[in-house]
Amino acid sequence: MNQEKEWNLDSWKKYPALQQPLYQDQHFYQETLQKLRKLPGILNFEEINKFKNEMIKVSKGDKFVLQLGDCAEVYNECTEEHWKEKFSFYDSMGQILNAIVIGRTCGQFAKPRTQLHEKDGTLNYRGDLINSLSRDERDPDPLRLLLGAHYSKKGIDTLRKYEGKQLWVSHECLHIGYESAFARQHEENHYYLSNTHFPWIGDRTRLCEHAHSNFAKGIYNPIGIKIGSSINKNEFVNLIKLLNPKNEDGRVFAIIRLGKNKLDKLKDIINWKQEEKLNVSFFLDPMHGNSLEKNGYKIRRIEDIMFEIQQFFNILEQSNEKPAGLHLECTPYDVSECVENDEDIDPKKYTTACDARLNFRQTRKIVIFVNSLLKKLKKKQQ
C-alpha cells in the first residue's frame, strides 16, 4: 500500500478530534508525547505484516475472527499472571471456532464517553490511560500515558512468550495524541502503528472529515471501524474509500454494532457496499447495541446478544455475504454483569471498569452457538 503523499504523522491535526481529554498542563502533556515518540516501537513491521497476511484470508472469506476481551483494561490487572489467564481463555474460545483470535488487550486503556461528567458533576472515568476509577483522581494526567506504554509493552512481551496458538492484540485508537506517538516508519512509504496489531476506530470518532480516520488512513495496519445505527450512505462509502482507496484485501473491517432492534440498517449497509463494490468485511459486535440498566447496573442480556448474532448471520446469508468475525466483551473470571432469563446481578461479582462483560460460561455458550451457525453455513455452501 502506497500511503498518500499528503499524509504525514501530523496531518490529522488539521481535523477535529472528538473524545479527547483536556490536560491542564499542555506543556507537560506535549513533553510526555515527545518521550513516547522516542521509545522503540513495541511491535515491529514484520509482526504487523504477518497479521495483515492473516487478515487477507479473512477478507477472502477463508478465515473467521474471534475478537474478545475486556471493555476497559485496568492497570492493576496488567500482570503476567492476569495476561496468561486471559490469553489461555481467548485461545480456548478460538479453538472452538478454529478462528483467528484477537484480544482486546495490551492497550485497551481508553474509553469514549457520551457525557463528560457524571450526574453529580464529577468528571467521567475515561480509562486508566486518562484518569482513575477513583473519584478523587479524575483529572486527566499525562503520566498515565507513560504507564500505558509500559503496560502495553509488558503485555506484548508476555504474549510473545505464550506457548499456545498465535494470538493478536487490538484496542480502540481513541487518544489520538498517544496513538500517533507509536507510529513508526518502515522503509520509505510504510508507517505502521507499533503498539497494536489491530486498531479500531469507534462509532463516535469515525467520520471521514475528522482526525481519527485521517490518521488511520496512513497506517499500514488492518483497521476496524465500529458502525452504529446513525451512519448514512455517504458517511459509510466515503469512510471506506478514505481508508481503503485501492480496495485491498486485509485492509478494512466494519464492526457492526446496531442492537437487536435495528438490524434492518445492516441490509442498507450491505447494499451500499455492494453498489459501490467496496472491499470491506463484516464483524458483529452484539454487545454495544444491547446495553440496558437494571437496579442501577449497566447490563446486557444473553438472549439479546444471541438474537442479534442469529439475525446477523441470516441477513448476511440472504445478501451473499460471509460473516467475517465476532467481537465480544468478556473475561475469564466469574463475574455477574450480563444476565440470562432476567436473573439478578450479584453486586459482589460486578467488577467491570465500564461496561458489562460476559463471564467464562456465557462466552463459551455464545461461541458454541456461533460455531453451530458457521457449520450450518458451511454445509449449505458445499
Protein backbone atom coordinates (compact mmCIF):
# COMPACT_ATOMS: atom_id res chain seq x y z
CA MET A 1 0.00 0.00 0.00
CA ASN A 2 1.48 3.35 -1.06
CA GLN A 3 0.33 5.83 1.50
CA GLU A 4 -0.98 9.12 0.20
CA LYS A 5 1.68 11.78 -0.34
CA GLU A 6 -0.19 14.45 1.59
CA TRP A 7 -0.36 12.22 4.69
CA ASN A 8 2.23 12.66 7.43
CA LEU A 9 2.43 11.99 11.14
CA ASP A 10 0.86 15.37 11.94
CA SER A 11 -1.65 15.77 9.10
CA TRP A 12 -4.50 14.53 11.33
CA LYS A 13 -4.09 17.72 13.38
CA LYS A 14 -5.86 19.70 10.65
CA TYR A 15 -9.12 17.89 11.51
CA PRO A 16 -11.47 17.97 14.52
CA ALA A 17 -10.59 15.30 17.12
CA LEU A 18 -13.51 14.16 19.26
CA GLN A 19 -13.41 12.37 22.64
CA GLN A 20 -10.00 13.81 23.60
CA PRO A 21 -9.04 14.59 27.22
CA LEU A 22 -8.23 18.16 28.19
CA TYR A 23 -4.94 18.41 30.08
CA GLN A 24 -4.47 21.34 32.43
CA ASP A 25 -0.72 21.48 31.78
CA GLN A 26 -0.38 21.38 27.99
CA HIS A 27 3.40 21.81 28.12
CA PHE A 28 3.78 18.73 30.33
CA TYR A 29 1.42 16.80 28.04
CA GLN A 30 3.48 17.66 24.94
CA GLU A 31 6.69 16.74 26.77
CA THR A 32 5.17 13.37 27.62
CA LEU A 33 4.24 12.73 23.98
CA GLN A 34 7.84 13.53 22.99
CA LYS A 35 9.05 10.87 25.42
CA LEU A 36 6.67 8.34 23.86
CA ARG A 37 7.86 9.16 20.34
CA LYS A 38 11.45 8.42 21.36
CA LEU A 39 10.63 4.95 22.68
CA PRO A 40 11.40 1.92 20.48
CA GLY A 41 8.34 0.52 18.72
CA ILE A 42 6.69 -2.28 20.70
CA LEU A 43 5.75 -4.37 17.65
CA ASN A 44 7.91 -4.45 14.53
CA PHE A 45 6.80 -4.19 10.92
CA GLU A 46 7.26 -7.92 10.29
CA GLU A 47 4.79 -8.72 13.09
CA ILE A 48 2.23 -6.29 11.65
CA ASN A 49 2.75 -7.65 8.15
CA LYS A 50 2.28 -11.23 9.37
CA PHE A 51 -1.01 -10.20 10.97
CA LYS A 52 -2.09 -8.42 7.79
CA ASN A 53 -1.50 -11.59 5.78
CA GLU A 54 -3.84 -13.41 8.17
CA MET A 55 -6.49 -10.71 7.73
CA ILE A 56 -6.23 -11.03 3.94
CA LYS A 57 -7.54 -14.59 4.44
CA VAL A 58 -10.49 -13.08 6.35
CA SER A 59 -11.25 -10.65 3.51
CA LYS A 60 -11.26 -13.56 1.08
CA GLY A 61 -13.76 -15.45 3.26
CA ASP A 62 -11.30 -18.20 4.17
CA LYS A 63 -10.99 -17.46 7.91
CA PHE A 64 -13.20 -16.19 10.75
CA VAL A 65 -12.07 -13.81 13.51
CA LEU A 66 -12.92 -14.03 17.19
CA GLN A 67 -12.10 -10.68 18.82
CA LEU A 68 -12.67 -10.66 22.57
CA GLY A 69 -11.60 -9.22 25.89
CA ASP A 70 -12.22 -6.55 28.50
CA CYS A 71 -14.33 -3.48 27.92
CA ALA A 72 -11.57 -1.46 29.59
CA GLU A 73 -8.30 -2.90 30.87
CA VAL A 74 -7.15 -1.58 34.24
CA TYR A 75 -3.52 -1.11 35.19
CA ASN A 76 -3.75 -3.13 38.39
CA GLU A 77 -4.58 -6.21 36.29
CA CYS A 78 -1.58 -5.67 34.00
CA THR A 79 0.40 -8.55 35.44
CA GLU A 80 1.91 -11.61 33.80
CA GLU A 81 -0.49 -13.80 35.80
CA HIS A 82 -3.60 -11.96 34.58
CA TRP A 83 -2.41 -11.88 30.96
CA LYS A 84 -1.63 -15.60 30.93
CA GLU A 85 -5.14 -16.36 32.22
CA LYS A 86 -6.67 -14.11 29.59
CA PHE A 87 -4.52 -15.42 26.73
CA SER A 88 -5.40 -19.01 27.67
CA PHE A 89 -9.10 -18.08 27.79
CA TYR A 90 -9.00 -16.32 24.41
CA ASP A 91 -7.09 -19.25 22.92
CA SER A 92 -9.57 -21.85 24.22
CA MET A 93 -12.54 -19.90 22.80
CA GLY A 94 -10.78 -19.50 19.45
CA GLN A 95 -10.09 -23.21 19.22
CA ILE A 96 -13.83 -23.96 19.31
CA LEU A 97 -14.18 -21.96 16.08
CA ASN A 98 -10.75 -22.61 14.58
CA ALA A 99 -10.62 -18.83 14.38
CA ILE A 100 -8.02 -16.10 14.14
CA VAL A 101 -8.04 -14.80 17.74
CA ILE A 102 -7.59 -11.11 18.51
CA GLY A 103 -7.63 -9.96 22.13
CA ARG A 104 -8.97 -6.61 23.28
CA THR A 105 -5.81 -6.41 25.33
CA CYS A 106 -2.33 -4.98 25.88
CA GLY A 107 -3.59 -1.45 25.30
CA GLN A 108 -7.39 -1.23 25.72
CA PHE A 109 -6.92 1.55 28.26
CA ALA A 110 -9.09 4.42 26.91
CA LYS A 111 -12.88 4.67 26.62
CA PRO A 112 -15.16 7.11 24.79
CA ARG A 113 -17.95 8.55 26.92
CA THR A 114 -21.29 10.04 25.96
CA GLN A 115 -21.09 12.62 28.77
CA LEU A 116 -18.02 14.45 30.04
CA HIS A 117 -19.36 14.46 33.62
CA GLU A 118 -21.32 12.15 35.89
CA LYS A 119 -24.66 13.34 37.27
CA ASP A 120 -23.00 14.87 40.34
CA GLY A 121 -20.56 16.90 38.22
CA THR A 122 -17.55 14.60 38.71
CA LEU A 123 -15.52 14.04 35.55
CA ASN A 124 -16.36 10.68 33.98
CA TYR A 125 -13.87 7.83 34.11
CA ARG A 126 -12.33 7.56 30.63
CA GLY A 127 -10.00 4.63 31.06
CA ASP A 128 -6.78 4.20 33.02
CA LEU A 129 -4.82 5.82 30.19
CA ILE A 130 -6.51 9.12 31.03
CA ASN A 131 -7.76 9.15 34.61
CA SER A 132 -8.61 6.87 37.53
CA LEU A 133 -11.69 4.97 38.66
CA SER A 134 -11.09 6.69 41.98
CA ARG A 135 -13.35 9.74 42.06
CA ASP A 136 -10.53 11.77 43.63
CA GLU A 137 -8.27 11.27 40.59
CA ARG A 138 -10.43 12.17 37.62
CA ASP A 139 -8.31 14.99 36.19
CA PRO A 140 -6.51 13.72 33.04
CA ASP A 141 -2.88 13.01 33.93
CA PRO A 142 -0.16 12.81 31.22
CA LEU A 143 1.91 10.45 33.38
CA ARG A 144 -0.74 7.81 32.80
CA LEU A 145 0.29 7.77 29.13
CA LEU A 146 3.75 6.56 30.11
CA LEU A 147 2.15 3.83 32.23
CA GLY A 148 0.01 2.82 29.27
CA ALA A 149 3.10 2.45 27.09
CA HIS A 150 4.86 0.45 29.82
CA TYR A 151 1.96 -1.96 30.30
CA SER A 152 1.35 -2.40 26.57
CA LYS A 153 4.97 -3.44 26.14
CA LYS A 154 4.82 -5.69 29.19
CA GLY A 155 1.65 -7.39 27.89
CA ILE A 156 3.01 -7.90 24.38
CA ASP A 157 6.28 -9.25 25.80
CA THR A 158 4.18 -11.73 27.83
CA LEU A 159 2.24 -12.66 24.69
CA ARG A 160 5.45 -13.39 22.81
CA LYS A 161 6.27 -16.00 25.46
CA TYR A 162 2.79 -17.54 25.35
CA GLU A 163 3.04 -21.19 24.28
CA GLY A 164 -0.45 -21.63 22.83
CA LYS A 165 -1.81 -20.73 19.42
CA GLN A 166 -0.80 -17.42 17.80
CA LEU A 167 -2.84 -14.58 19.32
CA TRP A 168 -3.03 -10.98 18.16
CA VAL A 169 -3.88 -7.80 20.09
CA SER A 170 -6.19 -4.86 19.45
CA HIS A 171 -7.53 -1.73 21.06
CA GLU A 172 -9.56 1.34 20.18
CA CYS A 173 -7.49 4.04 18.52
CA LEU A 174 -9.05 6.78 20.65
CA HIS A 175 -6.45 9.02 22.31
CA ILE A 176 -5.08 10.33 19.04
CA GLY A 177 -2.04 12.13 20.50
CA TYR A 178 -0.98 8.98 22.34
CA GLU A 179 -1.65 6.64 19.41
CA SER A 180 0.18 8.79 16.86
CA ALA A 181 3.24 8.75 19.12
CA PHE A 182 3.54 4.99 18.38
CA ALA A 183 3.60 5.36 14.60
CA ARG A 184 6.91 4.08 13.24
CA GLN A 185 8.32 4.18 9.73
CA HIS A 186 9.35 1.09 7.79
CA GLU A 187 11.43 1.91 4.74
CA GLU A 188 10.25 4.83 2.64
CA ASN A 189 6.48 4.61 2.37
CA HIS A 190 5.14 2.46 5.19
CA TYR A 191 4.10 3.86 8.55
CA TYR A 192 2.59 1.40 10.98
CA LEU A 193 1.14 1.57 14.48
CA SER A 194 3.62 -0.25 16.70
CA ASN A 195 1.55 -0.62 19.89
CA THR A 196 -1.12 -2.98 18.50
CA HIS A 197 -1.79 -5.29 15.58
CA PHE A 198 -5.37 -4.19 15.02
CA PRO A 199 -6.52 -0.68 15.94
CA TRP A 200 -10.18 0.15 15.56
CA ILE A 201 -11.95 3.49 15.27
CA GLY A 202 -15.05 3.91 17.41
CA ASP A 203 -18.54 4.79 16.22
CA ARG A 204 -18.24 8.21 17.89
CA THR A 205 -14.99 9.16 16.12
CA ARG A 206 -15.26 7.54 12.67
CA LEU A 207 -16.29 10.49 10.47
CA CYS A 208 -14.03 10.83 7.45
CA GLU A 209 -13.61 14.59 7.93
CA HIS A 210 -12.30 14.02 11.48
CA ALA A 211 -8.86 13.30 12.90
CA HIS A 212 -9.08 9.59 13.74
CA SER A 213 -9.90 8.42 10.23
CA ASN A 214 -7.37 10.77 8.69
CA PHE A 215 -4.67 9.41 10.98
CA ALA A 216 -5.64 5.79 10.31
CA LYS A 217 -5.65 6.21 6.52
CA GLY A 218 -1.85 6.49 6.56
CA ILE A 219 -1.22 3.49 8.83
CA TYR A 220 -0.31 0.10 7.32
CA ASN A 221 -2.14 -1.98 9.99
CA PRO A 222 -5.52 -3.50 9.16
CA ILE A 223 -8.20 -1.17 10.56
CA GLY A 224 -11.52 -1.92 12.25
CA ILE A 225 -14.40 0.58 12.22
CA LYS A 226 -17.31 0.40 14.63
CA ILE A 227 -20.52 1.06 12.71
CA GLY A 228 -23.61 2.16 14.65
CA SER A 229 -27.18 2.92 13.62
CA SER A 230 -26.61 6.63 12.93
CA ILE A 231 -24.42 6.02 9.86
CA ASN A 232 -25.69 7.05 6.42
CA LYS A 233 -24.63 6.02 2.93
CA ASN A 234 -22.31 8.96 2.27
CA GLU A 235 -20.53 8.51 5.60
CA PHE A 236 -20.06 4.78 5.05
CA VAL A 237 -18.92 4.96 1.43
CA ASN A 238 -16.59 7.92 1.96
CA LEU A 239 -15.07 6.35 5.06
CA ILE A 240 -14.31 3.01 3.39
CA LYS A 241 -12.86 4.78 0.35
CA LEU A 242 -10.72 7.00 2.58
CA LEU A 243 -9.29 4.05 4.49
CA ASN A 244 -9.07 1.63 1.57
CA PRO A 245 -8.68 3.69 -1.62
CA LYS A 246 -7.19 0.74 -3.56
CA ASN A 247 -9.88 -1.72 -2.40
CA GLU A 248 -7.26 -4.07 -0.97
CA ASP A 249 -7.90 -7.31 0.90
CA GLY A 250 -6.98 -7.31 4.59
CA ARG A 251 -7.30 -3.57 4.99
CA VAL A 252 -10.65 -2.57 6.50
CA PHE A 253 -13.27 -4.37 8.60
CA ALA A 254 -16.67 -2.96 9.59
CA ILE A 255 -17.58 -3.98 13.15
CA ILE A 256 -21.38 -3.76 13.18
CA ARG A 257 -22.86 -2.58 16.49
CA LEU A 258 -26.54 -1.89 15.88
CA GLY A 259 -28.53 -3.68 18.59
CA LYS A 260 -31.15 -6.39 18.22
CA ASN A 261 -33.93 -3.99 17.15
CA LYS A 262 -32.01 -2.06 14.49
CA LEU A 263 -30.64 -4.78 12.23
CA ASP A 264 -32.58 -3.57 9.18
CA LYS A 265 -29.79 -0.99 8.96
CA LEU A 266 -27.38 -3.84 8.18
CA LYS A 267 -29.31 -4.54 4.98
CA ASP A 268 -28.72 -0.91 3.94
CA ILE A 269 -25.01 -1.12 4.79
CA ILE A 270 -24.60 -4.29 2.73
CA ASN A 271 -26.40 -2.64 -0.19
CA TRP A 272 -24.06 0.35 0.00
CA LYS A 273 -21.05 -1.95 -0.02
CA GLN A 274 -22.31 -3.94 -2.99
CA GLU A 275 -23.46 -0.92 -5.02
CA GLU A 276 -20.05 0.73 -4.66
CA LYS A 277 -18.10 -2.57 -4.94
CA LEU A 278 -16.24 -1.82 -1.70
CA ASN A 279 -13.77 -4.31 -0.26
CA VAL A 280 -14.89 -4.40 3.36
CA SER A 281 -15.77 -7.40 5.53
CA PHE A 282 -18.31 -7.54 8.37
CA PHE A 283 -17.73 -8.40 12.02
CA LEU A 284 -20.56 -8.29 14.54
CA ASP A 285 -20.31 -6.59 17.92
CA PRO A 286 -23.55 -7.80 19.59
CA MET A 287 -22.66 -6.11 22.89
CA HIS A 288 -22.75 -2.35 22.45
CA GLY A 289 -26.19 -2.02 20.89
CA ASN A 290 -27.77 -4.13 23.63
CA SER A 291 -26.84 -2.33 26.84
CA LEU A 292 -29.59 -1.88 29.45
CA GLU A 293 -29.82 -0.66 33.03
CA LYS A 294 -31.17 -2.81 35.86
CA ASN A 295 -31.22 -1.78 39.53
CA GLY A 296 -28.56 0.87 38.83
CA TYR A 297 -26.21 -1.51 36.94
CA LYS A 298 -25.37 -1.47 33.25
CA ILE A 299 -26.19 -4.96 31.97
CA ARG A 300 -26.59 -6.96 28.77
CA ARG A 301 -28.96 -9.87 28.20
CA ILE A 302 -27.62 -13.12 26.73
CA GLU A 303 -30.88 -13.58 24.82
CA ASP A 304 -30.44 -10.20 23.08
CA ILE A 305 -26.83 -10.97 22.16
CA MET A 306 -27.72 -14.36 20.69
CA PHE A 307 -30.71 -12.97 18.82
CA GLU A 308 -28.55 -10.31 17.17
CA ILE A 309 -25.94 -12.91 16.21
CA GLN A 310 -28.61 -15.12 14.60
CA GLN A 311 -30.05 -12.19 12.65
CA PHE A 312 -26.59 -11.06 11.56
CA PHE A 313 -25.92 -14.50 10.05
CA ASN A 314 -29.36 -14.59 8.42
CA ILE A 315 -29.05 -11.16 6.80
CA LEU A 316 -25.54 -11.79 5.50
CA GLU A 317 -26.56 -15.14 4.03
CA GLN A 318 -29.55 -13.56 2.26
CA SER A 319 -27.18 -10.97 0.79
CA ASN A 320 -24.49 -13.45 -0.30
CA GLU A 321 -22.02 -12.03 2.23
CA LYS A 322 -19.87 -14.09 4.57
CA PRO A 323 -19.64 -13.28 8.31
CA ALA A 324 -16.02 -12.36 8.96
CA GLY A 325 -15.85 -12.09 12.73
CA LEU A 326 -17.41 -11.76 16.18
CA HIS A 327 -16.45 -9.07 18.70
CA LEU A 328 -17.24 -9.80 22.39
CA GLU A 329 -16.56 -8.04 25.67
CA CYS A 330 -15.77 -10.80 28.11
CA THR A 331 -13.49 -12.04 30.88
CA PRO A 332 -12.25 -15.42 32.10
CA TYR A 333 -13.40 -14.52 35.61
CA ASP A 334 -16.67 -15.44 37.33
CA VAL A 335 -18.29 -12.03 37.07
CA SER A 336 -22.01 -11.22 37.23
CA GLU A 337 -22.54 -8.44 34.67
CA CYS A 338 -24.50 -9.98 31.77
CA VAL A 339 -27.73 -11.79 32.64
CA GLU A 340 -29.88 -14.61 31.30
CA ASN A 341 -33.58 -15.29 31.95
CA ASP A 342 -33.88 -11.99 33.83
CA GLU A 343 -31.68 -13.20 36.68
CA ASP A 344 -30.39 -10.60 39.13
CA ILE A 345 -26.87 -9.20 39.20
CA ASP A 346 -24.65 -10.25 42.11
CA PRO A 347 -23.16 -6.90 43.18
CA LYS A 348 -20.12 -8.64 44.70
CA LYS A 349 -19.28 -10.05 41.28
CA TYR A 350 -19.90 -6.85 39.31
CA THR A 351 -16.30 -5.70 38.81
CA THR A 352 -16.16 -4.12 35.35
CA ALA A 353 -14.41 -0.76 34.98
CA CYS A 354 -17.01 0.29 32.41
CA ASP A 355 -19.50 -1.90 30.51
CA ALA A 356 -20.93 -5.35 31.28
CA ARG A 357 -18.80 -8.34 30.23
CA LEU A 358 -19.64 -11.97 29.59
CA ASN A 359 -18.10 -14.41 32.06
CA PHE A 360 -16.34 -17.63 31.01
CA ARG A 361 -19.51 -19.77 30.88
CA GLN A 362 -21.54 -17.18 28.99
CA THR A 363 -18.74 -16.60 26.48
CA ARG A 364 -18.40 -20.33 25.86
CA LYS A 365 -22.14 -20.68 25.33
CA ILE A 366 -22.15 -17.90 22.73
CA VAL A 367 -19.04 -19.18 20.95
CA ILE A 368 -20.52 -22.70 20.73
CA PHE A 369 -23.70 -21.14 19.31
CA VAL A 370 -21.67 -19.26 16.68
CA ASN A 371 -19.82 -22.46 15.84
CA SER A 372 -23.14 -24.16 15.10
CA LEU A 373 -24.13 -21.28 12.81
CA LEU A 374 -20.81 -21.42 10.96
CA LYS A 375 -21.17 -25.20 10.48
CA LYS A 376 -24.70 -24.80 9.08
CA LEU A 377 -23.46 -22.10 6.71
CA LYS A 378 -20.59 -24.28 5.53
CA LYS A 379 -22.95 -27.21 4.85
CA LYS A 380 -25.22 -25.03 2.72
CA GLN A 381 -22.26 -23.78 0.67
CA GLN A 382 -20.88 -27.25 -0.08
